[in-house]
Protein backbone atom coordinates (compact mmCIF):
# COMPACT_ATOMS: atom_id res chain seq x y z
CA UNK A 1 1.36 37.59 61.95
CA UNK A 2 1.13 40.77 59.88
CA UNK A 3 4.36 42.17 61.37
CA UNK A 4 6.20 38.97 60.50
CA UNK A 5 4.72 39.00 56.99
CA UNK A 6 5.84 42.61 56.50
CA UNK A 7 9.36 41.66 57.59
CA UNK A 8 9.44 38.71 55.18
CA UNK A 9 8.63 41.03 52.27
CA UNK A 10 12.28 42.05 52.42
CA UNK A 11 13.37 38.60 51.17
CA UNK A 12 14.44 39.13 47.55
CA UNK A 13 13.14 35.79 46.27
CA UNK A 14 9.61 36.38 47.60
CA UNK A 15 7.16 37.75 45.04
CA UNK A 16 4.37 38.12 47.57
CA UNK A 17 3.61 37.27 51.18
CA UNK A 18 0.19 35.90 52.10
CA UNK A 19 -1.42 35.05 55.44
CA UNK A 20 -3.93 32.24 55.84
CA UNK A 21 -5.14 31.51 59.35
CA UNK A 22 -2.01 30.81 61.37
CA UNK A 23 0.27 30.30 58.34
CA UNK A 24 2.48 32.73 56.44
CA UNK A 25 2.96 31.77 52.80
CA UNK A 26 5.88 33.07 50.76
CA UNK A 27 4.73 33.10 47.15
CA UNK A 28 7.47 32.78 44.60
CA UNK A 29 7.32 34.51 41.22
CA UNK A 30 4.80 32.69 39.00
CA UNK A 31 5.88 30.74 35.92
CA UNK A 32 5.55 32.35 32.49
CA UNK A 33 2.50 30.35 31.41
CA UNK A 34 0.84 31.11 34.75
CA UNK A 35 1.33 34.81 34.07
CA UNK A 36 0.18 34.44 30.45
CA UNK A 37 -3.15 32.94 31.52
CA UNK A 38 -3.65 35.62 34.18
CA UNK A 39 -2.89 38.32 31.57
CA UNK A 40 -5.33 36.81 29.05
CA UNK A 41 -8.08 36.65 31.66
CA UNK A 42 -7.52 40.27 32.76
CA UNK A 43 -7.42 41.40 29.13
CA UNK A 44 -10.72 39.64 28.34
CA UNK A 45 -12.36 41.03 31.44
CA UNK A 46 -11.10 44.58 30.85
CA UNK A 47 -12.54 44.57 27.32
CA UNK A 48 -15.93 43.65 28.82
CA UNK A 49 -15.58 46.15 31.66
CA UNK A 50 -14.73 49.12 29.43
CA UNK A 51 -17.15 51.98 29.98
CA UNK A 52 -18.60 50.72 33.27
CA UNK A 53 -19.83 53.42 35.66
CA UNK A 54 -18.40 53.56 38.20
CA UNK A 55 -15.31 52.24 36.46
CA UNK A 56 -14.56 48.57 37.22
CA UNK A 57 -11.24 46.95 36.26
CA UNK A 58 -9.51 43.59 36.28
CA UNK A 59 -5.91 43.81 37.44
CA UNK A 60 -3.18 41.92 39.23
CA UNK A 61 -1.19 42.99 42.23
CA UNK A 62 -3.78 44.21 44.70
CA UNK A 63 -3.65 42.45 48.07
CA UNK A 64 -6.93 41.76 49.85
CA UNK A 65 -7.13 41.81 53.64
CA UNK A 66 -9.91 41.70 56.20
CA UNK A 67 -8.53 41.30 59.71
CA UNK A 68 -11.95 41.75 61.28
CA UNK A 69 -13.26 38.48 59.80
CA UNK A 70 -10.20 36.26 59.40
CA UNK A 71 -6.46 36.28 59.61
CA UNK A 72 -6.10 36.42 55.85
CA UNK A 73 -3.99 38.45 53.45
CA UNK A 74 -4.23 37.27 49.85
CA UNK A 75 -2.88 38.46 46.50
CA UNK A 76 -5.04 37.01 43.71
CA UNK A 77 -3.66 36.58 40.21
CA UNK A 78 -6.50 38.81 38.99
CA UNK A 79 -8.92 40.87 41.06
CA UNK A 80 -12.05 42.56 39.68
CA UNK A 81 -12.99 45.70 41.58
CA UNK A 82 -13.99 49.33 41.17
CA UNK A 83 -10.98 51.46 40.23
CA UNK A 84 -11.87 53.81 43.11
CA UNK A 85 -11.03 51.00 45.59
CA UNK A 86 -7.37 51.44 44.66
CA UNK A 87 -7.45 55.16 45.45
CA UNK A 88 -7.91 54.87 49.21
CA UNK A 89 -5.61 54.95 52.23
CA UNK A 90 -3.67 51.85 53.23
CA UNK A 91 -1.87 49.11 51.36
CA UNK A 92 -4.61 46.51 50.97
CA UNK A 93 -8.06 46.29 49.42
CA UNK A 94 -11.16 45.68 51.53
CA UNK A 95 -12.79 42.42 50.40
CA UNK A 96 -16.16 44.19 50.47
CA UNK A 97 -14.97 46.12 47.38
CA UNK A 98 -14.00 42.98 45.44
CA UNK A 99 -16.44 41.70 42.81
CA UNK A 100 -14.47 38.55 41.93
CA UNK A 101 -11.03 36.97 42.15
CA UNK A 102 -9.13 34.70 39.77
CA UNK A 103 -6.38 32.26 40.67
CA UNK A 104 -4.26 30.27 38.24
CA UNK A 105 -3.22 27.08 40.02
CA UNK A 106 0.45 26.99 40.90
CA UNK A 107 2.60 24.06 39.79
CA UNK A 108 4.43 23.98 43.08
CA UNK A 109 1.60 24.49 45.58
CA UNK A 110 -1.84 23.62 44.14
CA UNK A 111 -3.26 22.93 47.61
CA UNK A 112 -2.97 26.64 48.40
CA UNK A 113 -5.33 27.53 45.52
CA UNK A 114 -7.78 24.66 46.03
CA UNK A 115 -7.97 24.65 49.82
CA UNK A 116 -6.49 27.70 51.55
CA UNK A 117 -7.63 30.35 49.10
CA UNK A 118 -11.04 28.75 48.65
CA UNK A 119 -11.54 28.90 52.42
CA UNK A 120 -10.10 32.40 52.81
CA UNK A 121 -12.06 33.95 49.93
CA UNK A 122 -15.28 32.40 51.28
CA UNK A 123 -14.50 33.72 54.79
CA UNK A 124 -13.90 37.19 53.31
CA UNK A 125 -17.28 37.02 51.57
CA UNK A 126 -15.87 37.31 48.05
CA UNK A 127 -18.86 36.32 45.95
CA UNK A 128 -17.09 34.86 42.88
CA UNK A 129 -13.86 32.84 42.66
CA UNK A 130 -12.55 31.57 39.31
CA UNK A 131 -9.94 28.82 39.67
CA UNK A 132 -7.99 27.88 36.50
CA UNK A 133 -5.78 24.76 36.53
CA UNK A 134 -3.27 24.57 33.65
CA UNK A 135 -1.88 21.31 35.04
CA UNK A 136 -5.10 19.54 34.03
CA UNK A 137 -6.74 21.91 31.54
CA UNK A 138 -9.71 22.35 33.88
CA UNK A 139 -11.13 24.80 36.35
CA UNK A 140 -14.14 25.86 38.33
CA UNK A 141 -16.19 28.88 39.21
CA UNK A 142 -17.20 29.07 42.86
CA UNK A 143 -19.90 31.44 44.08
CA UNK A 144 -22.28 32.15 46.96
CA UNK A 145 -20.00 31.89 49.99
CA UNK A 146 -21.60 30.74 53.21
CA UNK A 147 -20.70 29.20 56.56
CA UNK A 148 -21.38 25.55 57.33
CA UNK A 149 -20.58 23.44 60.40
CA UNK A 150 -17.47 22.28 58.47
CA UNK A 151 -16.38 25.89 57.92
CA UNK A 152 -16.68 28.50 55.18
CA UNK A 153 -17.53 27.15 51.72
CA UNK A 154 -18.95 28.15 48.38
CA UNK A 155 -22.50 26.88 47.79
CA UNK A 156 -22.27 26.89 43.99
CA UNK A 157 -19.55 25.14 42.02
CA UNK A 158 -19.39 24.98 38.23
CA UNK A 159 -16.55 22.96 36.68
CA UNK A 160 -15.20 23.46 33.15
CA UNK A 161 -12.51 22.24 30.77
CA UNK A 162 -10.23 24.38 28.63
CA UNK A 163 -11.98 25.20 25.40
CA UNK A 164 -15.25 26.23 27.05
CA UNK A 165 -16.59 29.73 27.47
CA UNK A 166 -16.83 30.23 31.22
CA UNK A 167 -19.36 32.56 32.87
CA UNK A 168 -17.99 34.61 35.76
CA UNK A 169 -20.59 36.91 37.30
CA UNK A 170 -21.79 39.01 34.32
CA UNK A 171 -18.73 38.30 32.16
CA UNK A 172 -17.46 35.50 29.91
CA UNK A 173 -13.95 34.02 29.80
CA UNK A 174 -12.78 32.21 26.66
CA UNK A 175 -10.42 29.41 27.72
CA UNK A 176 -9.53 27.88 24.34
CA UNK A 177 -6.12 29.59 24.12
CA UNK A 178 -4.99 28.78 27.68
CA UNK A 179 -1.76 26.73 27.60
CA UNK A 180 -1.04 23.74 29.82
CA UNK A 181 2.00 23.40 32.07
């Protein structure tokens, strides 16, 4: 699967390639408002993370992969991790280094964010997952991943609407200025 995904990266229209179980997902470039929300979240987080030791950042672009646990390769809209995790060998980040991920729900493929990524991030053991849905002006914070007979899930789920201040781990996200699609 990874070899095929690497080959598909050569397709000009593909912004990112992800792997989820036995599926390869070609992610197209996100819409402007999608990117605006991701930027605002990263900006808010980075202002709260300033001065952390060791340095922790919120950024977009890092792919997360853990082939030992699951066939999953994901590129969150925002990933919160120690800066040092980006200064290691290889092209992907170990999920053990990730403190939290953020996804802004896609207009074209919301099932990927709500189902596939929720499952994959839980399988990878990523403790906190913030899901923001500009189609509805809502979202949720998922935490405490665990395995159930139905598969990997998050034990804790907190829903919110745009306008609320949302707790994510030790940080707060102001959602009042998030636009809708």
